Amino acid sequence: ATEIPVGLSVVAGHLPESSLHRLD
């Protein structure tokens, strides 16, 4: 529930691609 919105935001251009590789 917290990671999927990050991926959608990257696809939409609201977040940089570096957000796909955060340590979690």
PDBML (XML) file of the C-alpha atoms, coordinates in Angstrom:
<?xml version="1.0" encoding="UTF-8" ?>
<PDBx:datablock datablockName="MODEL"
   xmlns:PDBx="http://pdbml.pdb.org/schema/pdbx-v50.xsd"
   xmlns:xsi="http://www.w3.org/2001/XMLSchema-instance"
   xsi:schemaLocation="http://pdbml.pdb.org/schema/pdbx-v50.xsd pdbx-v50.xsd">
   <PDBx:atom_siteCategory>
      <PDBx:atom_site id="1">
         <PDBx:B_iso_or_equiv>0.00</PDBx:B_iso_or_equiv>
         <PDBx:Cartn_x>0.000</PDBx:Cartn_x>
         <PDBx:Cartn_y>0.000</PDBx:Cartn_y>
         <PDBx:Cartn_z>0.000</PDBx:Cartn_z>
         <PDBx:auth_asym_id>A</PDBx:auth_asym_id>
         <PDBx:auth_atom_id>CA</PDBx:auth_atom_id>
         <PDBx:auth_comp_id>ALA</PDBx:auth_comp_id>
         <PDBx:auth_seq_id>1</PDBx:auth_seq_id>
         <PDBx:group_PDB>ATOM</PDBx:group_PDB>
         <PDBx:label_alt_id xsi:nil="true" />
         <PDBx:label_asym_id>A</PDBx:label_asym_id>
         <PDBx:label_atom_id>CA</PDBx:label_atom_id>
         <PDBx:label_comp_id>ALA</PDBx:label_comp_id>
         <PDBx:label_entity_id>1</PDBx:label_entity_id>
         <PDBx:label_seq_id>1</PDBx:label_seq_id>
         <PDBx:occupancy>1.00</PDBx:occupancy>
         <PDBx:pdbx_PDB_model_num>1</PDBx:pdbx_PDB_model_num>
         <PDBx:type_symbol>C</PDBx:type_symbol>
      </PDBx:atom_site>
      <PDBx:atom_site id="2">
         <PDBx:B_iso_or_equiv>0.00</PDBx:B_iso_or_equiv>
         <PDBx:Cartn_x>2.945</PDBx:Cartn_x>
         <PDBx:Cartn_y>2.358</PDBx:Cartn_y>
         <PDBx:Cartn_z>0.471</PDBx:Cartn_z>
         <PDBx:auth_asym_id>A</PDBx:auth_asym_id>
         <PDBx:auth_atom_id>CA</PDBx:auth_atom_id>
         <PDBx:auth_comp_id>THR</PDBx:auth_comp_id>
         <PDBx:auth_seq_id>2</PDBx:auth_seq_id>
         <PDBx:group_PDB>ATOM</PDBx:group_PDB>
         <PDBx:label_alt_id xsi:nil="true" />
         <PDBx:label_asym_id>A</PDBx:label_asym_id>
         <PDBx:label_atom_id>CA</PDBx:label_atom_id>
         <PDBx:label_comp_id>THR</PDBx:label_comp_id>
         <PDBx:label_entity_id>1</PDBx:label_entity_id>
         <PDBx:label_seq_id>2</PDBx:label_seq_id>
         <PDBx:occupancy>1.00</PDBx:occupancy>
         <PDBx:pdbx_PDB_model_num>1</PDBx:pdbx_PDB_model_num>
         <PDBx:type_symbol>C</PDBx:type_symbol>
      </PDBx:atom_site>
      <PDBx:atom_site id="3">
         <PDBx:B_iso_or_equiv>0.00</PDBx:B_iso_or_equiv>
         <PDBx:Cartn_x>5.203</PDBx:Cartn_x>
         <PDBx:Cartn_y>1.237</PDBx:Cartn_y>
         <PDBx:Cartn_z>-2.384</PDBx:Cartn_z>
         <PDBx:auth_asym_id>A</PDBx:auth_asym_id>
         <PDBx:auth_atom_id>CA</PDBx:auth_atom_id>
         <PDBx:auth_comp_id>GLU</PDBx:auth_comp_id>
         <PDBx:auth_seq_id>3</PDBx:auth_seq_id>
         <PDBx:group_PDB>ATOM</PDBx:group_PDB>
         <PDBx:label_alt_id xsi:nil="true" />
         <PDBx:label_asym_id>A</PDBx:label_asym_id>
         <PDBx:label_atom_id>CA</PDBx:label_atom_id>
         <PDBx:label_comp_id>GLU</PDBx:label_comp_id>
         <PDBx:label_entity_id>1</PDBx:label_entity_id>
         <PDBx:label_seq_id>3</PDBx:label_seq_id>
         <PDBx:occupancy>1.00</PDBx:occupancy>
         <PDBx:pdbx_PDB_model_num>1</PDBx:pdbx_PDB_model_num>
         <PDBx:type_symbol>C</PDBx:type_symbol>
      </PDBx:atom_site>
      <PDBx:atom_site id="4">
         <PDBx:B_iso_or_equiv>0.00</PDBx:B_iso_or_equiv>
         <PDBx:Cartn_x>2.647</PDBx:Cartn_x>
         <PDBx:Cartn_y>0.947</PDBx:Cartn_y>
         <PDBx:Cartn_z>-5.193</PDBx:Cartn_z>
         <PDBx:auth_asym_id>A</PDBx:auth_asym_id>
         <PDBx:auth_atom_id>CA</PDBx:auth_atom_id>
         <PDBx:auth_comp_id>ILE</PDBx:auth_comp_id>
         <PDBx:auth_seq_id>4</PDBx:auth_seq_id>
         <PDBx:group_PDB>ATOM</PDBx:group_PDB>
         <PDBx:label_alt_id xsi:nil="true" />
         <PDBx:label_asym_id>A</PDBx:label_asym_id>
         <PDBx:label_atom_id>CA</PDBx:label_atom_id>
         <PDBx:label_comp_id>ILE</PDBx:label_comp_id>
         <PDBx:label_entity_id>1</PDBx:label_entity_id>
         <PDBx:label_seq_id>4</PDBx:label_seq_id>
         <PDBx:occupancy>1.00</PDBx:occupancy>
         <PDBx:pdbx_PDB_model_num>1</PDBx:pdbx_PDB_model_num>
         <PDBx:type_symbol>C</PDBx:type_symbol>
      </PDBx:atom_site>
      <PDBx:atom_site id="5">
         <PDBx:B_iso_or_equiv>0.00</PDBx:B_iso_or_equiv>
         <PDBx:Cartn_x>1.745</PDBx:Cartn_x>
         <PDBx:Cartn_y>4.674</PDBx:Cartn_y>
         <PDBx:Cartn_z>-5.029</PDBx:Cartn_z>
         <PDBx:auth_asym_id>A</PDBx:auth_asym_id>
         <PDBx:auth_atom_id>CA</PDBx:auth_atom_id>
         <PDBx:auth_comp_id>PRO</PDBx:auth_comp_id>
         <PDBx:auth_seq_id>5</PDBx:auth_seq_id>
         <PDBx:group_PDB>ATOM</PDBx:group_PDB>
         <PDBx:label_alt_id xsi:nil="true" />
         <PDBx:label_asym_id>A</PDBx:label_asym_id>
         <PDBx:label_atom_id>CA</PDBx:label_atom_id>
         <PDBx:label_comp_id>PRO</PDBx:label_comp_id>
         <PDBx:label_entity_id>1</PDBx:label_entity_id>
         <PDBx:label_seq_id>5</PDBx:label_seq_id>
         <PDBx:occupancy>1.00</PDBx:occupancy>
         <PDBx:pdbx_PDB_model_num>1</PDBx:pdbx_PDB_model_num>
         <PDBx:type_symbol>C</PDBx:type_symbol>
      </PDBx:atom_site>
      <PDBx:atom_site id="6">
         <PDBx:B_iso_or_equiv>0.00</PDBx:B_iso_or_equiv>
         <PDBx:Cartn_x>5.456</PDBx:Cartn_x>
         <PDBx:Cartn_y>5.456</PDBx:Cartn_y>
         <PDBx:Cartn_z>-5.340</PDBx:Cartn_z>
         <PDBx:auth_asym_id>A</PDBx:auth_asym_id>
         <PDBx:auth_atom_id>CA</PDBx:auth_atom_id>
         <PDBx:auth_comp_id>VAL</PDBx:auth_comp_id>
         <PDBx:auth_seq_id>6</PDBx:auth_seq_id>
         <PDBx:group_PDB>ATOM</PDBx:group_PDB>
         <PDBx:label_alt_id xsi:nil="true" />
         <PDBx:label_asym_id>A</PDBx:label_asym_id>
         <PDBx:label_atom_id>CA</PDBx:label_atom_id>
         <PDBx:label_comp_id>VAL</PDBx:label_comp_id>
         <PDBx:label_entity_id>1</PDBx:label_entity_id>
         <PDBx:label_seq_id>6</PDBx:label_seq_id>
         <PDBx:occupancy>1.00</PDBx:occupancy>
         <PDBx:pdbx_PDB_model_num>1</PDBx:pdbx_PDB_model_num>
         <PDBx:type_symbol>C</PDBx:type_symbol>
      </PDBx:atom_site>
      <PDBx:atom_site id="7">
         <PDBx:B_iso_or_equiv>0.00</PDBx:B_iso_or_equiv>
         <PDBx:Cartn_x>5.677</PDBx:Cartn_x>
         <PDBx:Cartn_y>3.468</PDBx:Cartn_y>
         <PDBx:Cartn_z>-8.564</PDBx:Cartn_z>
         <PDBx:auth_asym_id>A</PDBx:auth_asym_id>
         <PDBx:auth_atom_id>CA</PDBx:auth_atom_id>
         <PDBx:auth_comp_id>GLY</PDBx:auth_comp_id>
         <PDBx:auth_seq_id>7</PDBx:auth_seq_id>
         <PDBx:group_PDB>ATOM</PDBx:group_PDB>
         <PDBx:label_alt_id xsi:nil="true" />
         <PDBx:label_asym_id>A</PDBx:label_asym_id>
         <PDBx:label_atom_id>CA</PDBx:label_atom_id>
         <PDBx:label_comp_id>GLY</PDBx:label_comp_id>
         <PDBx:label_entity_id>1</PDBx:label_entity_id>
         <PDBx:label_seq_id>7</PDBx:label_seq_id>
         <PDBx:occupancy>1.00</PDBx:occupancy>
         <PDBx:pdbx_PDB_model_num>1</PDBx:pdbx_PDB_model_num>
         <PDBx:type_symbol>C</PDBx:type_symbol>
      </PDBx:atom_site>
      <PDBx:atom_site id="8">
         <PDBx:B_iso_or_equiv>0.00</PDBx:B_iso_or_equiv>
         <PDBx:Cartn_x>2.566</PDBx:Cartn_x>
         <PDBx:Cartn_y>5.164</PDBx:Cartn_y>
         <PDBx:Cartn_z>-9.946</PDBx:Cartn_z>
         <PDBx:auth_asym_id>A</PDBx:auth_asym_id>
         <PDBx:auth_atom_id>CA</PDBx:auth_atom_id>
         <PDBx:auth_comp_id>LEU</PDBx:auth_comp_id>
         <PDBx:auth_seq_id>8</PDBx:auth_seq_id>
         <PDBx:group_PDB>ATOM</PDBx:group_PDB>
         <PDBx:label_alt_id xsi:nil="true" />
         <PDBx:label_asym_id>A</PDBx:label_asym_id>
         <PDBx:label_atom_id>CA</PDBx:label_atom_id>
         <PDBx:label_comp_id>LEU</PDBx:label_comp_id>
         <PDBx:label_entity_id>1</PDBx:label_entity_id>
         <PDBx:label_seq_id>8</PDBx:label_seq_id>
         <PDBx:occupancy>1.00</PDBx:occupancy>
         <PDBx:pdbx_PDB_model_num>1</PDBx:pdbx_PDB_model_num>
         <PDBx:type_symbol>C</PDBx:type_symbol>
      </PDBx:atom_site>
      <PDBx:atom_site id="9">
         <PDBx:B_iso_or_equiv>0.00</PDBx:B_iso_or_equiv>
         <PDBx:Cartn_x>3.947</PDBx:Cartn_x>
         <PDBx:Cartn_y>8.574</PDBx:Cartn_y>
         <PDBx:Cartn_z>-9.044</PDBx:Cartn_z>
         <PDBx:auth_asym_id>A</PDBx:auth_asym_id>
         <PDBx:auth_atom_id>CA</PDBx:auth_atom_id>
         <PDBx:auth_comp_id>SER</PDBx:auth_comp_id>
         <PDBx:auth_seq_id>9</PDBx:auth_seq_id>
         <PDBx:group_PDB>ATOM</PDBx:group_PDB>
         <PDBx:label_alt_id xsi:nil="true" />
         <PDBx:label_asym_id>A</PDBx:label_asym_id>
         <PDBx:label_atom_id>CA</PDBx:label_atom_id>
         <PDBx:label_comp_id>SER</PDBx:label_comp_id>
         <PDBx:label_entity_id>1</PDBx:label_entity_id>
         <PDBx:label_seq_id>9</PDBx:label_seq_id>
         <PDBx:occupancy>1.00</PDBx:occupancy>
         <PDBx:pdbx_PDB_model_num>1</PDBx:pdbx_PDB_model_num>
         <PDBx:type_symbol>C</PDBx:type_symbol>
      </PDBx:atom_site>
      <PDBx:atom_site id="10">
         <PDBx:B_iso_or_equiv>0.00</PDBx:B_iso_or_equiv>
         <PDBx:Cartn_x>7.210</PDBx:Cartn_x>
         <PDBx:Cartn_y>7.810</PDBx:Cartn_y>
         <PDBx:Cartn_z>-10.863</PDBx:Cartn_z>
         <PDBx:auth_asym_id>A</PDBx:auth_asym_id>
         <PDBx:auth_atom_id>CA</PDBx:auth_atom_id>
         <PDBx:auth_comp_id>VAL</PDBx:auth_comp_id>
         <PDBx:auth_seq_id>10</PDBx:auth_seq_id>
         <PDBx:group_PDB>ATOM</PDBx:group_PDB>
         <PDBx:label_alt_id xsi:nil="true" />
         <PDBx:label_asym_id>A</PDBx:label_asym_id>
         <PDBx:label_atom_id>CA</PDBx:label_atom_id>
         <PDBx:label_comp_id>VAL</PDBx:label_comp_id>
         <PDBx:label_entity_id>1</PDBx:label_entity_id>
         <PDBx:label_seq_id>10</PDBx:label_seq_id>
         <PDBx:occupancy>1.00</PDBx:occupancy>
         <PDBx:pdbx_PDB_model_num>1</PDBx:pdbx_PDB_model_num>
         <PDBx:type_symbol>C</PDBx:type_symbol>
      </PDBx:atom_site>
      <PDBx:atom_site id="11">
         <PDBx:B_iso_or_equiv>0.00</PDBx:B_iso_or_equiv>
         <PDBx:Cartn_x>5.292</PDBx:Cartn_x>
         <PDBx:Cartn_y>6.703</PDBx:Cartn_y>
         <PDBx:Cartn_z>-13.959</PDBx:Cartn_z>
         <PDBx:auth_asym_id>A</PDBx:auth_asym_id>
         <PDBx:auth_atom_id>CA</PDBx:auth_atom_id>
         <PDBx:auth_comp_id>VAL</PDBx:auth_comp_id>
         <PDBx:auth_seq_id>11</PDBx:auth_seq_id>
         <PDBx:group_PDB>ATOM</PDBx:group_PDB>
         <PDBx:label_alt_id xsi:nil="true" />
         <PDBx:label_asym_id>A</PDBx:label_asym_id>
         <PDBx:label_atom_id>CA</PDBx:label_atom_id>
         <PDBx:label_comp_id>VAL</PDBx:label_comp_id>
         <PDBx:label_entity_id>1</PDBx:label_entity_id>
         <PDBx:label_seq_id>11</PDBx:label_seq_id>
         <PDBx:occupancy>1.00</PDBx:occupancy>
         <PDBx:pdbx_PDB_model_num>1</PDBx:pdbx_PDB_model_num>
         <PDBx:type_symbol>C</PDBx:type_symbol>
      </PDBx:atom_site>
      <PDBx:atom_site id="12">
         <PDBx:B_iso_or_equiv>0.00</PDBx:B_iso_or_equiv>
         <PDBx:Cartn_x>3.223</PDBx:Cartn_x>
         <PDBx:Cartn_y>9.893</PDBx:Cartn_y>
         <PDBx:Cartn_z>-13.828</PDBx:Cartn_z>
         <PDBx:auth_asym_id>A</PDBx:auth_asym_id>
         <PDBx:auth_atom_id>CA</PDBx:auth_atom_id>
         <PDBx:auth_comp_id>ALA</PDBx:auth_comp_id>
         <PDBx:auth_seq_id>12</PDBx:auth_seq_id>
         <PDBx:group_PDB>ATOM</PDBx:group_PDB>
         <PDBx:label_alt_id xsi:nil="true" />
         <PDBx:label_asym_id>A</PDBx:label_asym_id>
         <PDBx:label_atom_id>CA</PDBx:label_atom_id>
         <PDBx:label_comp_id>ALA</PDBx:label_comp_id>
         <PDBx:label_entity_id>1</PDBx:label_entity_id>
         <PDBx:label_seq_id>12</PDBx:label_seq_id>
         <PDBx:occupancy>1.00</PDBx:occupancy>
         <PDBx:pdbx_PDB_model_num>1</PDBx:pdbx_PDB_model_num>
         <PDBx:type_symbol>C</PDBx:type_symbol>
      </PDBx:atom_site>
      <PDBx:atom_site id="13">
         <PDBx:B_iso_or_equiv>0.00</PDBx:B_iso_or_equiv>
         <PDBx:Cartn_x>6.375</PDBx:Cartn_x>
         <PDBx:Cartn_y>11.985</PDBx:Cartn_y>
         <PDBx:Cartn_z>-13.508</PDBx:Cartn_z>
         <PDBx:auth_asym_id>A</PDBx:auth_asym_id>
         <PDBx:auth_atom_id>CA</PDBx:auth_atom_id>
         <PDBx:auth_comp_id>GLY</PDBx:auth_comp_id>
         <PDBx:auth_seq_id>13</PDBx:auth_seq_id>
         <PDBx:group_PDB>ATOM</PDBx:group_PDB>
         <PDBx:label_alt_id xsi:nil="true" />
         <PDBx:label_asym_id>A</PDBx:label_asym_id>
         <PDBx:label_atom_id>CA</PDBx:label_atom_id>
         <PDBx:label_comp_id>GLY</PDBx:label_comp_id>
         <PDBx:label_entity_id>1</PDBx:label_entity_id>
         <PDBx:label_seq_id>13</PDBx:label_seq_id>
         <PDBx:occupancy>1.00</PDBx:occupancy>
         <PDBx:pdbx_PDB_model_num>1</PDBx:pdbx_PDB_model_num>
         <PDBx:type_symbol>C</PDBx:type_symbol>
      </PDBx:atom_site>
      <PDBx:atom_site id="14">
         <PDBx:B_iso_or_equiv>0.00</PDBx:B_iso_or_equiv>
         <PDBx:Cartn_x>5.688</PDBx:Cartn_x>
         <PDBx:Cartn_y>13.312</PDBx:Cartn_y>
         <PDBx:Cartn_z>-10.019</PDBx:Cartn_z>
         <PDBx:auth_asym_id>A</PDBx:auth_asym_id>
         <PDBx:auth_atom_id>CA</PDBx:auth_atom_id>
         <PDBx:auth_comp_id>HIS</PDBx:auth_comp_id>
         <PDBx:auth_seq_id>14</PDBx:auth_seq_id>
         <PDBx:group_PDB>ATOM</PDBx:group_PDB>
         <PDBx:label_alt_id xsi:nil="true" />
         <PDBx:label_asym_id>A</PDBx:label_asym_id>
         <PDBx:label_atom_id>CA</PDBx:label_atom_id>
         <PDBx:label_comp_id>HIS</PDBx:label_comp_id>
         <PDBx:label_entity_id>1</PDBx:label_entity_id>
         <PDBx:label_seq_id>14</PDBx:label_seq_id>
         <PDBx:occupancy>1.00</PDBx:occupancy>
         <PDBx:pdbx_PDB_model_num>1</PDBx:pdbx_PDB_model_num>
         <PDBx:type_symbol>C</PDBx:type_symbol>
      </PDBx:atom_site>
      <PDBx:atom_site id="15">
         <PDBx:B_iso_or_equiv>0.00</PDBx:B_iso_or_equiv>
         <PDBx:Cartn_x>8.698</PDBx:Cartn_x>
         <PDBx:Cartn_y>11.535</PDBx:Cartn_y>
         <PDBx:Cartn_z>-8.460</PDBx:Cartn_z>
         <PDBx:auth_asym_id>A</PDBx:auth_asym_id>
         <PDBx:auth_atom_id>CA</PDBx:auth_atom_id>
         <PDBx:auth_comp_id>LEU</PDBx:auth_comp_id>
         <PDBx:auth_seq_id>15</PDBx:auth_seq_id>
         <PDBx:group_PDB>ATOM</PDBx:group_PDB>
         <PDBx:label_alt_id xsi:nil="true" />
         <PDBx:label_asym_id>A</PDBx:label_asym_id>
         <PDBx:label_atom_id>CA</PDBx:label_atom_id>
         <PDBx:label_comp_id>LEU</PDBx:label_comp_id>
         <PDBx:label_entity_id>1</PDBx:label_entity_id>
         <PDBx:label_seq_id>15</PDBx:label_seq_id>
         <PDBx:occupancy>1.00</PDBx:occupancy>
         <PDBx:pdbx_PDB_model_num>1</PDBx:pdbx_PDB_model_num>
         <PDBx:type_symbol>C</PDBx:type_symbol>
      </PDBx:atom_site>
      <PDBx:atom_site id="16">
         <PDBx:B_iso_or_equiv>0.00</PDBx:B_iso_or_equiv>
         <PDBx:Cartn_x>12.210</PDBx:Cartn_x>
         <PDBx:Cartn_y>10.889</PDBx:Cartn_y>
         <PDBx:Cartn_z>-9.807</PDBx:Cartn_z>
         <PDBx:auth_asym_id>A</PDBx:auth_asym_id>
         <PDBx:auth_atom_id>CA</PDBx:auth_atom_id>
         <PDBx:auth_comp_id>PRO</PDBx:auth_comp_id>
         <PDBx:auth_seq_id>16</PDBx:auth_seq_id>
         <PDBx:group_PDB>ATOM</PDBx:group_PDB>
         <PDBx:label_alt_id xsi:nil="true" />
         <PDBx:label_asym_id>A</PDBx:label_asym_id>
         <PDBx:label_atom_id>CA</PDBx:label_atom_id>
         <PDBx:label_comp_id>PRO</PDBx:label_comp_id>
         <PDBx:label_entity_id>1</PDBx:label_entity_id>
         <PDBx:label_seq_id>16</PDBx:label_seq_id>
         <PDBx:occupancy>1.00</PDBx:occupancy>
         <PDBx:pdbx_PDB_model_num>1</PDBx:pdbx_PDB_model_num>
         <PDBx:type_symbol>C</PDBx:type_symbol>
      </PDBx:atom_site>
      <PDBx:atom_site id="17">
         <PDBx:B_iso_or_equiv>0.00</PDBx:B_iso_or_equiv>
         <PDBx:Cartn_x>13.302</PDBx:Cartn_x>
         <PDBx:Cartn_y>7.408</PDBx:Cartn_y>
         <PDBx:Cartn_z>-10.838</PDBx:Cartn_z>
         <PDBx:auth_asym_id>A</PDBx:auth_asym_id>
         <PDBx:auth_atom_id>CA</PDBx:auth_atom_id>
         <PDBx:auth_comp_id>GLU</PDBx:auth_comp_id>
         <PDBx:auth_seq_id>17</PDBx:auth_seq_id>
         <PDBx:group_PDB>ATOM</PDBx:group_PDB>
         <PDBx:label_alt_id xsi:nil="true" />
         <PDBx:label_asym_id>A</PDBx:label_asym_id>
         <PDBx:label_atom_id>CA</PDBx:label_atom_id>
         <PDBx:label_comp_id>GLU</PDBx:label_comp_id>
         <PDBx:label_entity_id>1</PDBx:label_entity_id>
         <PDBx:label_seq_id>17</PDBx:label_seq_id>
         <PDBx:occupancy>1.00</PDBx:occupancy>
         <PDBx:pdbx_PDB_model_num>1</PDBx:pdbx_PDB_model_num>
         <PDBx:type_symbol>C</PDBx:type_symbol>
      </PDBx:atom_site>
      <PDBx:atom_site id="18">
         <PDBx:B_iso_or_equiv>0.00</PDBx:B_iso_or_equiv>
         <PDBx:Cartn_x>15.606</PDBx:Cartn_x>
         <PDBx:Cartn_y>7.218</PDBx:Cartn_y>
         <PDBx:Cartn_z>-7.834</PDBx:Cartn_z>
         <PDBx:auth_asym_id>A</PDBx:auth_asym_id>
         <PDBx:auth_atom_id>CA</PDBx:auth_atom_id>
         <PDBx:auth_comp_id>SER</PDBx:auth_comp_id>
         <PDBx:auth_seq_id>18</PDBx:auth_seq_id>
         <PDBx:group_PDB>ATOM</PDBx:group_PDB>
         <PDBx:label_alt_id xsi:nil="true" />
         <PDBx:label_asym_id>A</PDBx:label_asym_id>
         <PDBx:label_atom_id>CA</PDBx:label_atom_id>
         <PDBx:label_comp_id>SER</PDBx:label_comp_id>
         <PDBx:label_entity_id>1</PDBx:label_entity_id>
         <PDBx:label_seq_id>18</PDBx:label_seq_id>
         <PDBx:occupancy>1.00</PDBx:occupancy>
         <PDBx:pdbx_PDB_model_num>1</PDBx:pdbx_PDB_model_num>
         <PDBx:type_symbol>C</PDBx:type_symbol>
      </PDBx:atom_site>
      <PDBx:atom_site id="19">
         <PDBx:B_iso_or_equiv>0.00</PDBx:B_iso_or_equiv>
         <PDBx:Cartn_x>12.466</PDBx:Cartn_x>
         <PDBx:Cartn_y>6.689</PDBx:Cartn_y>
         <PDBx:Cartn_z>-5.717</PDBx:Cartn_z>
         <PDBx:auth_asym_id>A</PDBx:auth_asym_id>
         <PDBx:auth_atom_id>CA</PDBx:auth_atom_id>
         <PDBx:auth_comp_id>SER</PDBx:auth_comp_id>
         <PDBx:auth_seq_id>19</PDBx:auth_seq_id>
         <PDBx:group_PDB>ATOM</PDBx:group_PDB>
         <PDBx:label_alt_id xsi:nil="true" />
         <PDBx:label_asym_id>A</PDBx:label_asym_id>
         <PDBx:label_atom_id>CA</PDBx:label_atom_id>
         <PDBx:label_comp_id>SER</PDBx:label_comp_id>
         <PDBx:label_entity_id>1</PDBx:label_entity_id>
         <PDBx:label_seq_id>19</PDBx:label_seq_id>
         <PDBx:occupancy>1.00</PDBx:occupancy>
         <PDBx:pdbx_PDB_model_num>1</PDBx:pdbx_PDB_model_num>
         <PDBx:type_symbol>C</PDBx:type_symbol>
      </PDBx:atom_site>
      <PDBx:atom_site id="20">
         <PDBx:B_iso_or_equiv>0.00</PDBx:B_iso_or_equiv>
         <PDBx:Cartn_x>12.219</PDBx:Cartn_x>
         <PDBx:Cartn_y>3.203</PDBx:Cartn_y>
         <PDBx:Cartn_z>-7.216</PDBx:Cartn_z>
         <PDBx:auth_asym_id>A</PDBx:auth_asym_id>
         <PDBx:auth_atom_id>CA</PDBx:auth_atom_id>
         <PDBx:auth_comp_id>LEU</PDBx:auth_comp_id>
         <PDBx:auth_seq_id>20</PDBx:auth_seq_id>
         <PDBx:group_PDB>ATOM</PDBx:group_PDB>
         <PDBx:label_alt_id xsi:nil="true" />
         <PDBx:label_asym_id>A</PDBx:label_asym_id>
         <PDBx:label_atom_id>CA</PDBx:label_atom_id>
         <PDBx:label_comp_id>LEU</PDBx:label_comp_id>
         <PDBx:label_entity_id>1</PDBx:label_entity_id>
         <PDBx:label_seq_id>20</PDBx:label_seq_id>
         <PDBx:occupancy>1.00</PDBx:occupancy>
         <PDBx:pdbx_PDB_model_num>1</PDBx:pdbx_PDB_model_num>
         <PDBx:type_symbol>C</PDBx:type_symbol>
      </PDBx:atom_site>
      <PDBx:atom_site id="21">
         <PDBx:B_iso_or_equiv>0.00</PDBx:B_iso_or_equiv>
         <PDBx:Cartn_x>15.393</PDBx:Cartn_x>
         <PDBx:Cartn_y>2.125</PDBx:Cartn_y>
         <PDBx:Cartn_z>-5.402</PDBx:Cartn_z>
         <PDBx:auth_asym_id>A</PDBx:auth_asym_id>
         <PDBx:auth_atom_id>CA</PDBx:auth_atom_id>
         <PDBx:auth_comp_id>HIS</PDBx:auth_comp_id>
         <PDBx:auth_seq_id>21</PDBx:auth_seq_id>
         <PDBx:group_PDB>ATOM</PDBx:group_PDB>
         <PDBx:label_alt_id xsi:nil="true" />
         <PDBx:label_asym_id>A</PDBx:label_asym_id>
         <PDBx:label_atom_id>CA</PDBx:label_atom_id>
         <PDBx:label_comp_id>HIS</PDBx:label_comp_id>
         <PDBx:label_entity_id>1</PDBx:label_entity_id>
         <PDBx:label_seq_id>21</PDBx:label_seq_id>
         <PDBx:occupancy>1.00</PDBx:occupancy>
         <PDBx:pdbx_PDB_model_num>1</PDBx:pdbx_PDB_model_num>
         <PDBx:type_symbol>C</PDBx:type_symbol>
      </PDBx:atom_site>
      <PDBx:atom_site id="22">
         <PDBx:B_iso_or_equiv>0.00</PDBx:B_iso_or_equiv>
         <PDBx:Cartn_x>14.902</PDBx:Cartn_x>
         <PDBx:Cartn_y>3.383</PDBx:Cartn_y>
         <PDBx:Cartn_z>-1.841</PDBx:Cartn_z>
         <PDBx:auth_asym_id>A</PDBx:auth_asym_id>
         <PDBx:auth_atom_id>CA</PDBx:auth_atom_id>
         <PDBx:auth_comp_id>ARG</PDBx:auth_comp_id>
         <PDBx:auth_seq_id>22</PDBx:auth_seq_id>
         <PDBx:group_PDB>ATOM</PDBx:group_PDB>
         <PDBx:label_alt_id xsi:nil="true" />
         <PDBx:label_asym_id>A</PDBx:label_asym_id>
         <PDBx:label_atom_id>CA</PDBx:label_atom_id>
         <PDBx:label_comp_id>ARG</PDBx:label_comp_id>
         <PDBx:label_entity_id>1</PDBx:label_entity_id>
         <PDBx:label_seq_id>22</PDBx:label_seq_id>
         <PDBx:occupancy>1.00</PDBx:occupancy>
         <PDBx:pdbx_PDB_model_num>1</PDBx:pdbx_PDB_model_num>
         <PDBx:type_symbol>C</PDBx:type_symbol>
      </PDBx:atom_site>
      <PDBx:atom_site id="23">
         <PDBx:B_iso_or_equiv>0.00</PDBx:B_iso_or_equiv>
         <PDBx:Cartn_x>16.073</PDBx:Cartn_x>
         <PDBx:Cartn_y>1.115</PDBx:Cartn_y>
         <PDBx:Cartn_z>0.995</PDBx:Cartn_z>
         <PDBx:auth_asym_id>A</PDBx:auth_asym_id>
         <PDBx:auth_atom_id>CA</PDBx:auth_atom_id>
         <PDBx:auth_comp_id>LEU</PDBx:auth_comp_id>
         <PDBx:auth_seq_id>23</PDBx:auth_seq_id>
         <PDBx:group_PDB>ATOM</PDBx:group_PDB>
         <PDBx:label_alt_id xsi:nil="true" />
         <PDBx:label_asym_id>A</PDBx:label_asym_id>
         <PDBx:label_atom_id>CA</PDBx:label_atom_id>
         <PDBx:label_comp_id>LEU</PDBx:label_comp_id>
         <PDBx:label_entity_id>1</PDBx:label_entity_id>
         <PDBx:label_seq_id>23</PDBx:label_seq_id>
         <PDBx:occupancy>1.00</PDBx:occupancy>
         <PDBx:pdbx_PDB_model_num>1</PDBx:pdbx_PDB_model_num>
         <PDBx:type_symbol>C</PDBx:type_symbol>
      </PDBx:atom_site>
      <PDBx:atom_site id="24">
         <PDBx:B_iso_or_equiv>0.00</PDBx:B_iso_or_equiv>
         <PDBx:Cartn_x>13.063</PDBx:Cartn_x>
         <PDBx:Cartn_y>-0.424</PDBx:Cartn_y>
         <PDBx:Cartn_z>2.731</PDBx:Cartn_z>
         <PDBx:auth_asym_id>A</PDBx:auth_asym_id>
         <PDBx:auth_atom_id>CA</PDBx:auth_atom_id>
         <PDBx:auth_comp_id>ASP</PDBx:auth_comp_id>
         <PDBx:auth_seq_id>24</PDBx:auth_seq_id>
         <PDBx:group_PDB>ATOM</PDBx:group_PDB>
         <PDBx:label_alt_id xsi:nil="true" />
         <PDBx:label_asym_id>A</PDBx:label_asym_id>
         <PDBx:label_atom_id>CA</PDBx:label_atom_id>
         <PDBx:label_comp_id>ASP</PDBx:label_comp_id>
         <PDBx:label_entity_id>1</PDBx:label_entity_id>
         <PDBx:label_seq_id>24</PDBx:label_seq_id>
         <PDBx:occupancy>1.00</PDBx:occupancy>
         <PDBx:pdbx_PDB_model_num>1</PDBx:pdbx_PDB_model_num>
         <PDBx:type_symbol>C</PDBx:type_symbol>
      </PDBx:atom_site>
   </PDBx:atom_siteCategory>
</PDBx:datablock>
